Each structure stands twice: as structure tokens, then as C-alpha cells.
């Protein structure tokens, strides 16, 4: 059972069966979770489980945008909140702990390869002791601290003139990872969306929606075109999932086609 922090507030619990876990045990754990008034989502074992696996490409891409000078942390956070997340990526990472984010990023990179390659800025922040709220300084400064040292780190990397920030650049890797999770049978489509709603507070257009429902709303062809453009510009971490390509080829484009990852009347 994987509870979310803070456990007494967050509704989601990921249930991860082992190779020899019986269906009876899974059912018992789901029932126990529901008795705690939590939302149970069964997730097949994989590095990062489900929610953390989906969040890390999004957090990493936001950090890449910041490192490259494409936008400020404040602007990125504000844009992502306007999109539908309850808080921006840098506010979230400061809350979680940047050392924790670096550790998770390193682990997922070791397991999944180049698409999870961590932004070097993570290491600079950890080396400088800017671990987030718990240290009084992270991407942002707290109390008497400021973010000036972070701005100096970014300046030392040098502005990448080819780098551009957009909400699609940070959200599409999350959507793509959600498609990969379905493709790999890590979780059912409904459970992927429910996990991101209950575990990350995800919404879109003023409604609580998960990444696959959001992709349907945007249009799977639009998401695929965006990922292809980012892949050509930024490389491997934007390679579109095969299942997304298959859906688009089949005309399952989302809401406008009445069929995507979900079906619509």
C-alpha cells in the first residue's frame, strides 16, 4: 500500500501486488483501503509506481525550462496552475524536498533511460543545500532567504536561445507517460485518471480530469503533433508512445471523434 503525503488528508492509496500476490489478497487490501475512506487504485509493480512515475517527467521538464532561461519559476508555476494543477511544479518540489526529487529522478533515469534524464539544475540545488521548504530555501527563498542564488545558477548555465516555455512542453510528457503506463498494462485507463485526480489534484477547464481525459479533450492528434515537434527540438524525452500513434492512426482522436482513451456519447 502506497499512501500519499500527508496520509491523513490525501485520498489516494496505490495498491501494488507482487508477482505472487493472490487476487484474494488484492481484494482484501482494496476493501481495507476503502474502509479507511480512501480511494484504492491497483497498480502493477514498476519503478515509481504510477503517480510518481507520471509526475517526474513533468517536474523535470519544468526544471529544464527554468535552467535554460525559457521562463521564471514564478511564471511557470502560475501558468501550470491556470492549466489546472493545484500548485506549480516548483512550489510542489520545494514542498516535497528537492533532494527527494533528485533521488527519484536518478532512480527513474536508471530504470527507464534517456526520457527520464534529470535536469542538471537539481544537482546544483542539492549541492548548495537548497532542499526546499525544510531547509528554508529551494527554488524559492523562505523567511530571510531569497531565490537570488538560483538565478545565479541559471545564469551560469547560459541562456539557451532555442528553448521556449509553454504549458504543453511541461504537460505533454506527463500525458505521454500516462499513455505508456496504459500501454504497459500498469493500470487501467480509468485508474490512471483517478490516480492523478486523487493523488495530484489534476483538473482541466475547471473540471477534475486526469491526463488521458485531458488528452481526449485537447485531441489526441494535437497531443501527438505537439510531442513530435518537441521530440524534433528537444530529443528523446518527448518520443511519443506507440499507443498514442496507434490511436491517432485509428481515428480515435478523443472527444471530437467520440472515442479516444474514453468513449463519449
C-alpha atoms as a PDB file:
ATOM      1  CA  UNK A   1       0.000   0.000   0.000  1.00  0.00           C
ATOM      2  CA  UNK A   2       1.397   3.359  -1.056  1.00  0.00           C
ATOM      3  CA  UNK A   3      -0.170   6.259   0.826  1.00  0.00           C
ATOM      4  CA  UNK A   4       0.267   9.857  -0.295  1.00  0.00           C
ATOM      5  CA  UNK A   5       1.629  12.689   1.825  1.00  0.00           C
ATOM      6  CA  UNK A   6       0.027  13.856   4.055  1.00  0.00           C
ATOM      7  CA  UNK A   7      -1.667  10.473   4.535  1.00  0.00           C
ATOM      8  CA  UNK A   8      -4.441  11.777   6.780  1.00  0.00           C
ATOM      9  CA  UNK A   9      -5.516  14.247   4.062  1.00  0.00           C
ATOM     10  CA  UNK A  10      -4.767  12.626   0.707  1.00  0.00           C
ATOM     11  CA  UNK A  11      -7.429  10.205  -0.536  1.00  0.00           C
ATOM     12  CA  UNK A  12      -5.358   8.088  -2.903  1.00  0.00           C
ATOM     13  CA  UNK A  13      -3.730   4.786  -1.982  1.00  0.00           C
ATOM     14  CA  UNK A  14      -1.881   2.843  -4.682  1.00  0.00           C
ATOM     15  CA  UNK A  15      -2.185  -0.937  -4.238  1.00  0.00           C
ATOM     16  CA  UNK A  16       0.827  -2.700  -5.754  1.00  0.00           C
ATOM     17  CA  UNK A  17       0.608  -6.511  -5.995  1.00  0.00           C
ATOM     18  CA  UNK A  18       3.780  -8.600  -6.038  1.00  0.00           C
ATOM     19  CA  UNK A  19       4.431 -11.379  -8.505  1.00  0.00           C
ATOM     20  CA  UNK A  20       2.893 -13.955  -6.170  1.00  0.00           C
ATOM     21  CA  UNK A  21       0.118 -11.840  -4.633  1.00  0.00           C
ATOM     22  CA  UNK A  22      -3.223 -13.631  -4.910  1.00  0.00           C
ATOM     23  CA  UNK A  23      -6.375 -11.945  -6.185  1.00  0.00           C
ATOM     24  CA  UNK A  24      -7.952 -12.628  -2.796  1.00  0.00           C
ATOM     25  CA  UNK A  25      -5.221 -10.605  -1.084  1.00  0.00           C
ATOM     26  CA  UNK A  26      -5.573  -7.772  -3.572  1.00  0.00           C
ATOM     27  CA  UNK A  27      -9.342  -7.686  -2.992  1.00  0.00           C
ATOM     28  CA  UNK A  28      -8.832  -7.700   0.784  1.00  0.00           C
ATOM     29  CA  UNK A  29      -6.371  -4.798   0.613  1.00  0.00           C
ATOM     30  CA  UNK A  30      -8.721  -2.812  -1.632  1.00  0.00           C
ATOM     31  CA  UNK A  31     -11.577  -3.397   0.837  1.00  0.00           C
ATOM     32  CA  UNK A  32      -9.373  -2.354   3.757  1.00  0.00           C
ATOM     33  CA  UNK A  33      -8.321   0.796   1.896  1.00  0.00           C
ATOM     34  CA  UNK A  34     -11.939   1.684   1.194  1.00  0.00           C
ATOM     35  CA  UNK A  35     -12.786   1.089   4.868  1.00  0.00           C
ATOM     36  CA  UNK A  36     -10.349   3.919   5.612  1.00  0.00           C
ATOM     37  CA  UNK A  37     -12.427   6.127   3.280  1.00  0.00           C
ATOM     38  CA  UNK A  38      -9.593   6.191   0.781  1.00  0.00           C
ATOM     39  CA  UNK A  39      -9.591   5.692  -2.994  1.00  0.00           C
ATOM     40  CA  UNK A  40      -7.810   2.468  -3.950  1.00  0.00           C
ATOM     41  CA  UNK A  41      -6.077   2.167  -7.327  1.00  0.00           C
ATOM     42  CA  UNK A  42      -4.443  -1.148  -8.252  1.00  0.00           C
ATOM     43  CA  UNK A  43      -1.095  -0.563  -9.974  1.00  0.00           C
ATOM     44  CA  UNK A  44       1.212  -3.229 -11.343  1.00  0.00           C
ATOM     45  CA  UNK A  45       4.733  -3.005  -9.940  1.00  0.00           C
ATOM     46  CA  UNK A  46       7.007  -0.668 -11.893  1.00  0.00           C
ATOM     47  CA  UNK A  47       9.662   1.907 -10.960  1.00  0.00           C
ATOM     48  CA  UNK A  48       7.872   4.922  -9.482  1.00  0.00           C
ATOM     49  CA  UNK A  49       4.572   3.038  -9.330  1.00  0.00           C
ATOM     50  CA  UNK A  50       2.028   5.285 -11.110  1.00  0.00           C
ATOM     51  CA  UNK A  51       1.638   8.846  -9.829  1.00  0.00           C
ATOM     52  CA  UNK A  52       5.322   9.482  -9.123  1.00  0.00           C
ATOM     53  CA  UNK A  53       6.241   7.967 -12.470  1.00  0.00           C
ATOM     54  CA  UNK A  54       3.855  10.365 -14.242  1.00  0.00           C
ATOM     55  CA  UNK A  55       4.817  13.421 -12.204  1.00  0.00           C
ATOM     56  CA  UNK A  56       8.582  13.179 -12.625  1.00  0.00           C
ATOM     57  CA  UNK A  57       8.770  13.916 -16.390  1.00  0.00           C
ATOM     58  CA  UNK A  58       6.561  16.961 -15.793  1.00  0.00           C
ATOM     59  CA  UNK A  59       8.651  18.222 -12.878  1.00  0.00           C
ATOM     60  CA  UNK A  60      11.858  17.555 -14.776  1.00  0.00           C
ATOM     61  CA  UNK A  61      10.707  19.380 -17.906  1.00  0.00           C
ATOM     62  CA  UNK A  62       9.691  22.407 -15.859  1.00  0.00           C
ATOM     63  CA  UNK A  63      13.195  22.389 -14.351  1.00  0.00           C
ATOM     64  CA  UNK A  64      14.739  22.162 -17.830  1.00  0.00           C
ATOM     65  CA  UNK A  65      12.714  25.208 -18.906  1.00  0.00           C
ATOM     66  CA  UNK A  66      13.908  27.120 -15.854  1.00  0.00           C
ATOM     67  CA  UNK A  67      17.536  26.053 -16.269  1.00  0.00           C
ATOM     68  CA  UNK A  68      17.523  27.086 -19.936  1.00  0.00           C
ATOM     69  CA  UNK A  69      16.154  30.527 -19.099  1.00  0.00           C
ATOM     70  CA  UNK A  70      12.923  29.969 -21.023  1.00  0.00           C
ATOM     71  CA  UNK A  71      10.778  31.349 -18.162  1.00  0.00           C
ATOM     72  CA  UNK A  72      10.956  32.127 -14.455  1.00  0.00           C
ATOM     73  CA  UNK A  73       9.827  29.721 -11.747  1.00  0.00           C
ATOM     74  CA  UNK A  74       7.030  32.123 -10.819  1.00  0.00           C
ATOM     75  CA  UNK A  75       5.751  32.332 -14.395  1.00  0.00           C
ATOM     76  CA  UNK A  76       5.915  28.567 -14.923  1.00  0.00           C
ATOM     77  CA  UNK A  77       4.085  27.912 -11.655  1.00  0.00           C
ATOM     78  CA  UNK A  78       1.378  30.437 -12.494  1.00  0.00           C
ATOM     79  CA  UNK A  79       0.848  29.028 -15.998  1.00  0.00           C
ATOM     80  CA  UNK A  80       0.559  25.457 -14.737  1.00  0.00           C
ATOM     81  CA  UNK A  81      -1.934  26.454 -12.026  1.00  0.00           C
ATOM     82  CA  UNK A  82      -4.001  28.227 -14.689  1.00  0.00           C
ATOM     83  CA  UNK A  83      -3.913  24.979 -16.711  1.00  0.00           C
ATOM     84  CA  UNK A  84      -5.439  23.066 -13.796  1.00  0.00           C
ATOM     85  CA  UNK A  85      -2.830  21.794 -11.346  1.00  0.00           C
ATOM     86  CA  UNK A  86      -3.404  22.758  -7.693  1.00  0.00           C
ATOM     87  CA  UNK A  87       0.118  24.154  -7.376  1.00  0.00           C
ATOM     88  CA  UNK A  88       3.018  24.795  -9.706  1.00  0.00           C
ATOM     89  CA  UNK A  89       5.932  22.362 -10.149  1.00  0.00           C
ATOM     90  CA  UNK A  90       8.456  24.454  -8.212  1.00  0.00           C
ATOM     91  CA  UNK A  91       6.113  25.042  -5.283  1.00  0.00           C
ATOM     92  CA  UNK A  92       5.470  21.279  -5.233  1.00  0.00           C
ATOM     93  CA  UNK A  93       9.163  20.327  -5.421  1.00  0.00           C
ATOM     94  CA  UNK A  94      10.052  22.744  -2.633  1.00  0.00           C
ATOM     95  CA  UNK A  95       7.350  21.096  -0.540  1.00  0.00           C
ATOM     96  CA  UNK A  96       8.441  17.538  -1.380  1.00  0.00           C
ATOM     97  CA  UNK A  97      12.161  18.216  -0.990  1.00  0.00           C
ATOM     98  CA  UNK A  98      14.498  18.785  -3.917  1.00  0.00           C
ATOM     99  CA  UNK A  99      16.861  16.066  -2.666  1.00  0.00           C
ATOM    100  CA  UNK A 100      13.917  13.646  -2.776  1.00  0.00           C
ATOM    101  CA  UNK A 101      13.083  14.756  -6.323  1.00  0.00           C
ATOM    102  CA  UNK A 102      16.717  14.274  -7.365  1.00  0.00           C
ATOM    103  CA  UNK A 103      16.782  10.776  -5.844  1.00  0.00           C
ATOM    104  CA  UNK A 104      13.548   9.778  -7.583  1.00  0.00           C
ATOM    105  CA  UNK A 105      14.779  11.285 -10.843  1.00  0.00           C
ATOM    106  CA  UNK A 106      18.051   9.351 -10.675  1.00  0.00           C
ATOM    107  CA  UNK A 107      16.193   6.109  -9.962  1.00  0.00           C
ATOM    108  CA  UNK A 108      13.727   6.547 -12.826  1.00  0.00           C
ATOM    109  CA  UNK A 109      16.550   7.525 -15.181  1.00  0.00           C
ATOM    110  CA  UNK A 110      18.411   4.321 -14.261  1.00  0.00           C
ATOM    111  CA  UNK A 111      15.266   2.272 -14.907  1.00  0.00           C
ATOM    112  CA  UNK A 112      13.694   3.988 -17.924  1.00  0.00           C
ATOM    113  CA  UNK A 113      16.642   5.534 -19.708  1.00  0.00           C
ATOM    114  CA  UNK A 114      17.091   8.812 -21.620  1.00  0.00           C
ATOM    115  CA  UNK A 115      13.498  10.069 -21.470  1.00  0.00           C
ATOM    116  CA  UNK A 116      13.959  10.469 -17.701  1.00  0.00           C
ATOM    117  CA  UNK A 117      17.395  12.166 -17.832  1.00  0.00           C
ATOM    118  CA  UNK A 118      17.383  14.626 -14.884  1.00  0.00           C
ATOM    119  CA  UNK A 119      17.991  18.350 -15.350  1.00  0.00           C
ATOM    120  CA  UNK A 120      21.482  19.270 -14.041  1.00  0.00           C
ATOM    121  CA  UNK A 121      19.955  22.116 -12.016  1.00  0.00           C
ATOM    122  CA  UNK A 122      18.692  19.548  -9.478  1.00  0.00           C
ATOM    123  CA  UNK A 123      22.265  18.624  -8.555  1.00  0.00           C
ATOM    124  CA  UNK A 124      23.338  22.253  -8.234  1.00  0.00           C
ATOM    125  CA  UNK A 125      20.489  22.965  -5.834  1.00  0.00           C
ATOM    126  CA  UNK A 126      21.204  19.902  -3.696  1.00  0.00           C
ATOM    127  CA  UNK A 127      24.947  20.689  -3.590  1.00  0.00           C
ATOM    128  CA  UNK A 128      24.077  24.197  -2.394  1.00  0.00           C
ATOM    129  CA  UNK A 129      21.815  22.824   0.347  1.00  0.00           C
ATOM    130  CA  UNK A 130      18.715  24.311  -1.266  1.00  0.00           C
ATOM    131  CA  UNK A 131      16.472  21.364  -0.438  1.00  0.00           C
ATOM    132  CA  UNK A 132      13.154  23.220  -0.307  1.00  0.00           C
ATOM    133  CA  UNK A 133      10.888  24.372   2.499  1.00  0.00           C
ATOM    134  CA  UNK A 134      12.542  22.100   5.077  1.00  0.00           C
ATOM    135  CA  UNK A 135      15.842  23.950   4.538  1.00  0.00           C
ATOM    136  CA  UNK A 136      14.252  27.394   4.217  1.00  0.00           C
ATOM    137  CA  UNK A 137      15.467  27.627   0.633  1.00  0.00           C
ATOM    138  CA  UNK A 138      14.879  25.745  -2.580  1.00  0.00           C
ATOM    139  CA  UNK A 139      13.696  27.032  -5.933  1.00  0.00           C
ATOM    140  CA  UNK A 140      12.215  29.821  -3.827  1.00  0.00           C
ATOM    141  CA  UNK A 141      13.545  31.517  -0.706  1.00  0.00           C
ATOM    142  CA  UNK A 142      11.695  31.355   2.625  1.00  0.00           C
ATOM    143  CA  UNK A 143      11.997  33.617   5.636  1.00  0.00           C
ATOM    144  CA  UNK A 144      15.165  35.660   5.181  1.00  0.00           C
ATOM    145  CA  UNK A 145      16.311  33.641   2.150  1.00  0.00           C
ATOM    146  CA  UNK A 146      15.813  34.693  -1.473  1.00  0.00           C
ATOM    147  CA  UNK A 147      15.960  32.940  -4.843  1.00  0.00           C
ATOM    148  CA  UNK A 148      18.937  35.035  -5.982  1.00  0.00           C
ATOM    149  CA  UNK A 149      21.396  32.099  -5.746  1.00  0.00           C
ATOM    150  CA  UNK A 150      19.104  30.063  -8.004  1.00  0.00           C
ATOM    151  CA  UNK A 151      19.010  32.871 -10.536  1.00  0.00           C
ATOM    152  CA  UNK A 152      22.814  32.961 -10.429  1.00  0.00           C
ATOM    153  CA  UNK A 153      22.953  29.196 -11.071  1.00  0.00           C
ATOM    154  CA  UNK A 154      20.650  29.599 -14.063  1.00  0.00           C
ATOM    155  CA  UNK A 155      22.760  32.464 -15.422  1.00  0.00           C
ATOM    156  CA  UNK A 156      25.857  30.256 -15.128  1.00  0.00           C
ATOM    157  CA  UNK A 157      24.242  27.643 -17.384  1.00  0.00           C
ATOM    158  CA  UNK A 158      23.710  30.330 -20.035  1.00  0.00           C
ATOM    159  CA  UNK A 159      20.521  31.183 -21.864  1.00  0.00           C
ATOM    160  CA  UNK A 160      19.532  28.619 -24.480  1.00  0.00           C
ATOM    161  CA  UNK A 161      18.138  30.718 -27.344  1.00  0.00           C
ATOM    162  CA  UNK A 162      16.320  27.684 -28.799  1.00  0.00           C
ATOM    163  CA  UNK A 163      14.465  26.956 -25.570  1.00  0.00           C
ATOM    164  CA  UNK A 164      10.860  28.069 -25.265  1.00  0.00           C
ATOM    165  CA  UNK A 165       8.403  27.548 -22.443  1.00  0.00           C
ATOM    166  CA  UNK A 166       4.784  26.561 -22.950  1.00  0.00           C
ATOM    167  CA  UNK A 167       2.344  24.705 -20.752  1.00  0.00           C
ATOM    168  CA  UNK A 168       2.257  21.970 -23.414  1.00  0.00           C
ATOM    169  CA  UNK A 169       6.002  21.446 -23.067  1.00  0.00           C
ATOM    170  CA  UNK A 170       5.650  20.531 -19.388  1.00  0.00           C
ATOM    171  CA  UNK A 171       2.260  18.774 -19.503  1.00  0.00           C
ATOM    172  CA  UNK A 172       2.677  16.628 -22.623  1.00  0.00           C
ATOM    173  CA  UNK A 173       5.479  14.479 -21.099  1.00  0.00           C
ATOM    174  CA  UNK A 174       3.097  13.677 -18.219  1.00  0.00           C
ATOM    175  CA  UNK A 175       0.336  12.745 -20.663  1.00  0.00           C
ATOM    176  CA  UNK A 176       2.758  10.653 -22.715  1.00  0.00           C
ATOM    177  CA  UNK A 177       3.934   8.784 -19.605  1.00  0.00           C
ATOM    178  CA  UNK A 178       0.290   8.090 -18.751  1.00  0.00           C
ATOM    179  CA  UNK A 179      -0.171   6.558 -22.207  1.00  0.00           C
ATOM    180  CA  UNK A 180       2.958   4.440 -21.686  1.00  0.00           C
ATOM    181  CA  UNK A 181       1.554   3.219 -18.359  1.00  0.00           C
ATOM    182  CA  UNK A 182      -1.620   2.054 -20.126  1.00  0.00           C
ATOM    183  CA  UNK A 183       0.407   0.569 -22.973  1.00  0.00           C
ATOM    184  CA  UNK A 184       2.443  -1.434 -20.453  1.00  0.00           C
ATOM    185  CA  UNK A 185      -0.710  -2.549 -18.553  1.00  0.00           C
ATOM    186  CA  UNK A 186       0.474  -0.828 -15.376  1.00  0.00           C
ATOM    187  CA  UNK A 187      -3.053   0.420 -14.657  1.00  0.00           C
ATOM    188  CA  UNK A 188      -6.438   0.685 -16.341  1.00  0.00           C
ATOM    189  CA  UNK A 189      -7.355   3.899 -18.158  1.00  0.00           C
ATOM    190  CA  UNK A 190      -9.921   4.959 -15.551  1.00  0.00           C
ATOM    191  CA  UNK A 191      -7.475   4.211 -12.733  1.00  0.00           C
ATOM    192  CA  UNK A 192      -4.709   6.282 -14.336  1.00  0.00           C
ATOM    193  CA  UNK A 193      -7.021   9.280 -14.482  1.00  0.00           C
ATOM    194  CA  UNK A 194      -8.442   8.699 -10.997  1.00  0.00           C
ATOM    195  CA  UNK A 195      -4.945   8.359  -9.523  1.00  0.00           C
ATOM    196  CA  UNK A 196      -3.857  11.723 -10.909  1.00  0.00           C
ATOM    197  CA  UNK A 197      -7.073  13.400  -9.761  1.00  0.00           C
ATOM    198  CA  UNK A 198      -6.957  11.950  -6.229  1.00  0.00           C
ATOM    199  CA  UNK A 199      -3.169  11.892  -5.843  1.00  0.00           C
ATOM    200  CA  UNK A 200      -2.141  15.083  -7.618  1.00  0.00           C
ATOM    201  CA  UNK A 201      -5.347  17.163  -7.718  1.00  0.00           C
ATOM    202  CA  UNK A 202      -5.295  17.342 -11.509  1.00  0.00           C
ATOM    203  CA  UNK A 203      -8.033  19.237 -13.341  1.00  0.00           C
ATOM    204  CA  UNK A 204      -8.652  20.897 -16.687  1.00  0.00           C
ATOM    205  CA  UNK A 205     -11.138  23.534 -17.780  1.00  0.00           C
ATOM    206  CA  UNK A 206     -12.481  23.817 -14.256  1.00  0.00           C
ATOM    207  CA  UNK A 207     -13.297  20.103 -14.002  1.00  0.00           C
ATOM    208  CA  UNK A 208     -11.434  17.341 -12.218  1.00  0.00           C
ATOM    209  CA  UNK A 209      -9.855  15.330 -15.014  1.00  0.00           C
ATOM    210  CA  UNK A 210      -6.875  13.025 -15.352  1.00  0.00           C
ATOM    211  CA  UNK A 211      -4.234  13.101 -18.100  1.00  0.00           C
ATOM    212  CA  UNK A 212      -5.935  10.697 -20.507  1.00  0.00           C
ATOM    213  CA  UNK A 213      -9.269  12.522 -20.310  1.00  0.00           C
ATOM    214  CA  UNK A 214      -7.381  15.808 -20.796  1.00  0.00           C
ATOM    215  CA  UNK A 215      -5.648  14.363 -23.864  1.00  0.00           C
ATOM    216  CA  UNK A 216      -9.071  13.363 -25.233  1.00  0.00           C
ATOM    217  CA  UNK A 217     -10.299  16.907 -24.635  1.00  0.00           C
ATOM    218  CA  UNK A 218      -7.295  18.503 -26.361  1.00  0.00           C
ATOM    219  CA  UNK A 219      -7.384  15.966 -29.199  1.00  0.00           C
ATOM    220  CA  UNK A 220      -5.007  13.020 -29.420  1.00  0.00           C
ATOM    221  CA  UNK A 221      -3.825  14.178 -32.827  1.00  0.00           C
ATOM    222  CA  UNK A 222      -2.975  17.588 -31.373  1.00  0.00           C
ATOM    223  CA  UNK A 223      -1.056  15.993 -28.497  1.00  0.00           C
ATOM    224  CA  UNK A 224       0.801  13.709 -30.904  1.00  0.00           C
ATOM    225  CA  UNK A 225       1.738  16.604 -33.195  1.00  0.00           C
ATOM    226  CA  UNK A 226       2.970  18.563 -30.179  1.00  0.00           C
ATOM    227  CA  UNK A 227       5.074  15.672 -28.914  1.00  0.00           C
ATOM    228  CA  UNK A 228       6.567  15.166 -32.384  1.00  0.00           C
ATOM    229  CA  UNK A 229       7.508  18.847 -32.572  1.00  0.00           C
ATOM    230  CA  UNK A 230       9.098  18.747 -29.106  1.00  0.00           C
ATOM    231  CA  UNK A 231      10.858  15.474 -29.965  1.00  0.00           C
ATOM    232  CA  UNK A 232      12.435  17.096 -33.035  1.00  0.00           C
ATOM    233  CA  UNK A 233      13.541  20.085 -30.962  1.00  0.00           C
ATOM    234  CA  UNK A 234      14.464  18.637 -27.551  1.00  0.00           C
ATOM    235  CA  UNK A 235      15.045  14.946 -28.089  1.00  0.00           C
ATOM    236  CA  UNK A 236      14.256  11.561 -26.586  1.00  0.00           C
ATOM    237  CA  UNK A 237      12.195  12.613 -23.577  1.00  0.00           C
ATOM    238  CA  UNK A 238       9.384  13.597 -25.961  1.00  0.00           C
ATOM    239  CA  UNK A 239       9.254  10.418 -28.069  1.00  0.00           C
ATOM    240  CA  UNK A 240       5.507   9.688 -28.425  1.00  0.00           C
ATOM    241  CA  UNK A 241       4.161   6.437 -27.018  1.00  0.00           C
ATOM    242  CA  UNK A 242       3.299   3.810 -29.616  1.00  0.00           C
ATOM    243  CA  UNK A 243      -0.259   3.524 -28.279  1.00  0.00           C
ATOM    244  CA  UNK A 244      -0.829   7.227 -28.895  1.00  0.00           C
ATOM    245  CA  UNK A 245       0.307   6.861 -32.500  1.00  0.00           C
ATOM    246  CA  UNK A 246      -1.952   3.807 -32.882  1.00  0.00           C
ATOM    247  CA  UNK A 247      -4.980   5.660 -31.517  1.00  0.00           C
ATOM    248  CA  UNK A 248      -4.454   8.567 -33.902  1.00  0.00           C
ATOM    249  CA  UNK A 249      -3.994   6.272 -36.913  1.00  0.00           C
ATOM    250  CA  UNK A 250      -7.265   4.538 -35.995  1.00  0.00           C
ATOM    251  CA  UNK A 251      -9.106   7.863 -35.816  1.00  0.00           C
ATOM    252  CA  UNK A 252      -9.609   7.631 -32.050  1.00  0.00           C
ATOM    253  CA  UNK A 253      -8.919  11.333 -31.586  1.00  0.00           C
ATOM    254  CA  UNK A 254     -10.794  11.978 -28.377  1.00  0.00           C
ATOM    255  CA  UNK A 255     -13.938  13.978 -27.657  1.00  0.00           C
ATOM    256  CA  UNK A 256     -14.250  15.352 -31.197  1.00  0.00           C
ATOM    257  CA  UNK A 257     -14.313  11.778 -32.586  1.00  0.00           C
ATOM    258  CA  UNK A 258     -16.407  10.497 -29.647  1.00  0.00           C
ATOM    259  CA  UNK A 259     -13.684   7.972 -28.956  1.00  0.00           C
ATOM    260  CA  UNK A 260     -10.172   8.292 -27.603  1.00  0.00           C
ATOM    261  CA  UNK A 261      -8.919   6.763 -24.386  1.00  0.00           C
ATOM    262  CA  UNK A 262     -12.505   7.132 -23.169  1.00  0.00           C
ATOM    263  CA  UNK A 263     -15.729   6.894 -25.161  1.00  0.00           C
ATOM    264  CA  UNK A 264     -18.195   9.785 -25.471  1.00  0.00           C
ATOM    265  CA  UNK A 265     -21.898   9.790 -26.301  1.00  0.00           C
END
